[in-house]
């Protein structure tokens, strides 16, 4: 699974870890995250992430 980086703040979404604090279970690919999910560090939208 590929990691995704927030272009605004540099946060890295790692599918292996997910984002459990925000309801995204470990093992969830970036493409499967709901469209209304935002970066847990800065609040940027999914559209502000690029594949690492």
PDB file of N, CA and C in Angstrom:
ATOM      1  N   UNK A   1       0.839  -1.183   0.000  1.00  0.00           N
ATOM      2  CA  UNK A   1       0.000   0.000   0.000  1.00  0.00           C
ATOM      3  C   UNK A   1       0.885   1.248   0.000  1.00  0.00           C
ATOM      4  N   UNK A   2       0.451   2.230  -0.750  1.00  0.00           N
ATOM      5  CA  UNK A   2       1.247   3.436  -0.890  1.00  0.00           C
ATOM      6  C   UNK A   2       0.877   4.483   0.159  1.00  0.00           C
ATOM      7  N   UNK A   3       1.874   5.240   0.579  1.00  0.00           N
ATOM      8  CA  UNK A   3       1.653   6.334   1.518  1.00  0.00           C
ATOM      9  C   UNK A   3       1.270   7.590   0.741  1.00  0.00           C
ATOM     10  N   UNK A   4       0.533   8.467   1.408  1.00  0.00           N
ATOM     11  CA  UNK A   4       0.087   9.734   0.815  1.00  0.00           C
ATOM     12  C   UNK A   4       0.523  10.872   1.713  1.00  0.00           C
ATOM     13  N   UNK A   5       0.971  11.974   1.107  1.00  0.00           N
ATOM     14  CA  UNK A   5       1.492  13.120   1.857  1.00  0.00           C
ATOM     15  C   UNK A   5       0.596  14.336   1.670  1.00  0.00           C
ATOM     16  N   UNK A   6       0.295  15.015   2.782  1.00  0.00           N
ATOM     17  CA  UNK A   6      -0.457  16.266   2.738  1.00  0.00           C
ATOM     18  C   UNK A   6       0.482  17.349   2.216  1.00  0.00           C
ATOM     19  N   UNK A   7       0.106  17.993   1.118  1.00  0.00           N
ATOM     20  CA  UNK A   7       0.944  19.038   0.546  1.00  0.00           C
ATOM     21  C   UNK A   7       0.937  20.304   1.392  1.00  0.00           C
ATOM     22  N   UNK A   8      -0.017  20.444   2.281  1.00  0.00           N
ATOM     23  CA  UNK A   8      -0.112  21.643   3.111  1.00  0.00           C
ATOM     24  C   UNK A   8       0.852  21.579   4.297  1.00  0.00           C
ATOM     25  N   UNK A   9       0.848  20.433   5.014  1.00  0.00           N
ATOM     26  CA  UNK A   9       1.644  20.375   6.250  1.00  0.00           C
ATOM     27  C   UNK A   9       2.687  19.258   6.277  1.00  0.00           C
ATOM     28  N   UNK A  10       2.643  18.334   5.319  1.00  0.00           N
ATOM     29  CA  UNK A  10       3.629  17.256   5.293  1.00  0.00           C
ATOM     30  C   UNK A  10       3.225  15.990   6.033  1.00  0.00           C
ATOM     31  N   UNK A  11       2.004  15.956   6.613  1.00  0.00           N
ATOM     32  CA  UNK A  11       1.516  14.742   7.285  1.00  0.00           C
ATOM     33  C   UNK A  11       1.511  13.583   6.291  1.00  0.00           C
ATOM     34  N   UNK A  12       1.942  12.419   6.745  1.00  0.00           N
ATOM     35  CA  UNK A  12       1.958  11.230   5.897  1.00  0.00           C
ATOM     36  C   UNK A  12       0.864  10.270   6.347  1.00  0.00           C
ATOM     37  N   UNK A  13      -0.060   9.959   5.415  1.00  0.00           N
ATOM     38  CA  UNK A  13      -1.070   8.928   5.696  1.00  0.00           C
ATOM     39  C   UNK A  13      -0.480   7.590   5.289  1.00  0.00           C
ATOM     40  N   UNK A  14      -0.327   6.709   6.261  1.00  0.00           N
ATOM     41  CA  UNK A  14       0.187   5.362   6.029  1.00  0.00           C
ATOM     42  C   UNK A  14      -0.976   4.388   6.185  1.00  0.00           C
ATOM     43  N   UNK A  15      -1.384   3.735   5.086  1.00  0.00           N
ATOM     44  CA  UNK A  15      -2.516   2.807   5.159  1.00  0.00           C
ATOM     45  C   UNK A  15      -2.333   1.701   6.196  1.00  0.00           C
ATOM     46  N   UNK A  16      -1.096   1.305   6.466  1.00  0.00           N
ATOM     47  CA  UNK A  16      -0.859   0.255   7.464  1.00  0.00           C
ATOM     48  C   UNK A  16      -1.295   0.713   8.855  1.00  0.00           C
ATOM     49  N   UNK A  17      -1.151   2.020   9.128  1.00  0.00           N
ATOM     50  CA  UNK A  17      -1.520   2.563  10.431  1.00  0.00           C
ATOM     51  C   UNK A  17      -2.935   3.105  10.448  1.00  0.00           C
ATOM     52  N   UNK A  18      -3.422   3.569   9.290  1.00  0.00           N
ATOM     53  CA  UNK A  18      -4.739   4.185   9.227  1.00  0.00           C
ATOM     54  C   UNK A  18      -4.757   5.496  10.007  1.00  0.00           C
ATOM     55  N   UNK A  19      -5.934   5.895  10.447  1.00  0.00           N
ATOM     56  CA  UNK A  19      -6.115   7.088  11.280  1.00  0.00           C
ATOM     57  C   UNK A  19      -7.210   6.756  12.292  1.00  0.00           C
ATOM     58  N   UNK A  20      -6.906   5.822  13.218  1.00  0.00           N
ATOM     59  CA  UNK A  20      -7.920   5.322  14.145  1.00  0.00           C
ATOM     60  C   UNK A  20      -8.594   6.409  14.980  1.00  0.00           C
ATOM     61  N   UNK A  21      -7.864   7.491  15.276  1.00  0.00           N
ATOM     62  CA  UNK A  21      -8.452   8.577  16.066  1.00  0.00           C
ATOM     63  C   UNK A  21      -9.603   9.252  15.329  1.00  0.00           C
ATOM     64  N   UNK A  22      -9.616   9.088  14.002  1.00  0.00           N
ATOM     65  CA  UNK A  22     -10.660   9.710  13.183  1.00  0.00           C
ATOM     66  C   UNK A  22     -11.500   8.676  12.426  1.00  0.00           C
ATOM     67  N   UNK A  23     -11.523   7.441  12.940  1.00  0.00           N
ATOM     68  CA  UNK A  23     -12.406   6.419  12.394  1.00  0.00           C
ATOM     69  C   UNK A  23     -11.898   5.661  11.190  1.00  0.00           C
ATOM     70  N   UNK A  24     -10.616   5.819  10.853  1.00  0.00           N
ATOM     71  CA  UNK A  24     -10.046   5.097   9.710  1.00  0.00           C
ATOM     72  C   UNK A  24      -9.194   3.949  10.248  1.00  0.00           C
ATOM     73  N   UNK A  25      -9.676   2.745  10.060  1.00  0.00           N
ATOM     74  CA  UNK A  25      -9.017   1.556  10.598  1.00  0.00           C
ATOM     75  C   UNK A  25      -7.685   1.272   9.897  1.00  0.00           C
ATOM     76  N   UNK A  26      -6.704   0.692  10.620  1.00  0.00           N
ATOM     77  CA  UNK A  26      -5.466   0.254   9.977  1.00  0.00           C
ATOM     78  C   UNK A  26      -5.781  -0.685   8.811  1.00  0.00           C
ATOM     79  N   UNK A  27      -5.022  -0.550   7.731  1.00  0.00           N
ATOM     80  CA  UNK A  27      -5.242  -1.367   6.547  1.00  0.00           C
ATOM     81  C   UNK A  27      -6.164  -0.719   5.526  1.00  0.00           C
ATOM     82  N   UNK A  28      -6.654   0.493   5.797  1.00  0.00           N
ATOM     83  CA  UNK A  28      -7.560   1.173   4.871  1.00  0.00           C
ATOM     84  C   UNK A  28      -6.763   1.920   3.804  1.00  0.00           C
ATOM     85  N   UNK A  29      -6.916   1.537   2.528  1.00  0.00           N
ATOM     86  CA  UNK A  29      -6.218   2.273   1.466  1.00  0.00           C
ATOM     87  C   UNK A  29      -6.742   3.703   1.375  1.00  0.00           C
ATOM     88  N   UNK A  30      -5.885   4.618   0.948  1.00  0.00           N
ATOM     89  CA  UNK A  30      -6.264   6.027   0.859  1.00  0.00           C
ATOM     90  C   UNK A  30      -7.521   6.218   0.018  1.00  0.00           C
ATOM     91  N   UNK A  31      -7.623   5.466  -1.056  1.00  0.00           N
ATOM     92  CA  UNK A  31      -8.767   5.589  -1.963  1.00  0.00           C
ATOM     93  C   UNK A  31     -10.093   5.226  -1.282  1.00  0.00           C
ATOM     94  N   UNK A  32     -10.028   4.429  -0.224  1.00  0.00           N
ATOM     95  CA  UNK A  32     -11.243   3.981   0.463  1.00  0.00           C
ATOM     96  C   UNK A  32     -11.676   4.914   1.605  1.00  0.00           C
ATOM     97  N   UNK A  33     -10.853   5.919   1.893  1.00  0.00           N
ATOM     98  CA  UNK A  33     -11.208   6.879   2.944  1.00  0.00           C
ATOM     99  C   UNK A  33     -12.362   7.743   2.429  1.00  0.00           C
ATOM    100  N   UNK A  34     -13.349   8.030   3.268  1.00  0.00           N
ATOM    101  CA  UNK A  34     -14.464   8.888   2.837  1.00  0.00           C
ATOM    102  C   UNK A  34     -13.975  10.251   2.330  1.00  0.00           C
ATOM    103  N   UNK A  35     -14.671  10.808   1.363  1.00  0.00           N
ATOM    104  CA  UNK A  35     -14.275  12.082   0.757  1.00  0.00           C
ATOM    105  C   UNK A  35     -14.281  13.240   1.746  1.00  0.00           C
ATOM    106  N   UNK A  36     -15.045  13.129   2.838  1.00  0.00           N
ATOM    107  CA  UNK A  36     -15.096  14.233   3.796  1.00  0.00           C
ATOM    108  C   UNK A  36     -14.021  14.147   4.888  1.00  0.00           C
ATOM    109  N   UNK A  37     -13.140  13.133   4.803  1.00  0.00           N
ATOM    110  CA  UNK A  37     -12.029  13.011   5.743  1.00  0.00           C
ATOM    111  C   UNK A  37     -11.069  14.175   5.513  1.00  0.00           C
ATOM    112  N   UNK A  38     -10.477  14.666   6.593  1.00  0.00           N
ATOM    113  CA  UNK A  38      -9.490  15.743   6.476  1.00  0.00           C
ATOM    114  C   UNK A  38      -8.206  15.357   7.193  1.00  0.00           C
ATOM    115  N   UNK A  39      -7.140  16.006   6.822  1.00  0.00           N
ATOM    116  CA  UNK A  39      -5.834  15.779   7.448  1.00  0.00           C
ATOM    117  C   UNK A  39      -5.949  16.008   8.948  1.00  0.00           C
ATOM    118  N   UNK A  40      -5.513  15.035   9.755  1.00  0.00           N
ATOM    119  CA  UNK A  40      -5.622  15.185  11.202  1.00  0.00           C
ATOM    120  C   UNK A  40      -4.681  16.248  11.776  1.00  0.00           C
ATOM    121  N   UNK A  41      -3.697  16.668  11.011  1.00  0.00           N
ATOM    122  CA  UNK A  41      -2.748  17.679  11.490  1.00  0.00           C
ATOM    123  C   UNK A  41      -3.197  19.099  11.169  1.00  0.00           C
ATOM    124  N   UNK A  42      -3.705  19.337   9.929  1.00  0.00           N
ATOM    125  CA  UNK A  42      -3.988  20.716   9.514  1.00  0.00           C
ATOM    126  C   UNK A  42      -5.402  20.941   8.989  1.00  0.00           C
ATOM    127  N   UNK A  43      -6.166  19.867   8.786  1.00  0.00           N
ATOM    128  CA  UNK A  43      -7.543  20.018   8.322  1.00  0.00           C
ATOM    129  C   UNK A  43      -7.704  20.127   6.819  1.00  0.00           C
ATOM    130  N   UNK A  44      -6.628  19.923   6.060  1.00  0.00           N
ATOM    131  CA  UNK A  44      -6.720  19.965   4.596  1.00  0.00           C
ATOM    132  C   UNK A  44      -7.544  18.778   4.093  1.00  0.00           C
ATOM    133  N   UNK A  45      -8.187  18.942   2.951  1.00  0.00           N
ATOM    134  CA  UNK A  45      -9.005  17.884   2.371  1.00  0.00           C
ATOM    135  C   UNK A  45      -8.187  16.836   1.639  1.00  0.00           C
ATOM    136  N   UNK A  46      -8.845  15.742   1.284  1.00  0.00           N
ATOM    137  CA  UNK A  46      -8.176  14.650   0.559  1.00  0.00           C
ATOM    138  C   UNK A  46      -7.525  15.136  -0.730  1.00  0.00           C
ATOM    139  N   UNK A  47      -8.111  16.175  -1.337  1.00  0.00           N
ATOM    140  CA  UNK A  47      -7.582  16.680  -2.601  1.00  0.00           C
ATOM    141  C   UNK A  47      -6.201  17.325  -2.438  1.00  0.00           C
ATOM    142  N   UNK A  48      -5.800  17.584  -1.195  1.00  0.00           N
ATOM    143  CA  UNK A  48      -4.498  18.189  -0.932  1.00  0.00           C
ATOM    144  C   UNK A  48      -3.420  17.152  -0.654  1.00  0.00           C
ATOM    145  N   UNK A  49      -3.719  15.879  -0.871  1.00  0.00           N
ATOM    146  CA  UNK A  49      -2.748  14.802  -0.672  1.00  0.00           C
ATOM    147  C   UNK A  49      -2.212  14.300  -2.007  1.00  0.00           C
ATOM    148  N   UNK A  50      -0.927  13.948  -2.013  1.00  0.00           N
ATOM    149  CA  UNK A  50      -0.302  13.367  -3.192  1.00  0.00           C
ATOM    150  C   UNK A  50       0.351  12.041  -2.806  1.00  0.00           C
ATOM    151  N   UNK A  51       0.394  11.135  -3.765  1.00  0.00           N
ATOM    152  CA  UNK A  51       1.000   9.826  -3.538  1.00  0.00           C
ATOM    153  C   UNK A  51       2.505   9.997  -3.348  1.00  0.00           C
ATOM    154  N   UNK A  52       3.061   9.321  -2.334  1.00  0.00           N
ATOM    155  CA  UNK A  52       4.485   9.413  -2.055  1.00  0.00           C
ATOM    156  C   UNK A  52       5.275   8.618  -3.049  1.00  0.00           C
TER     157      UNK A  52
END
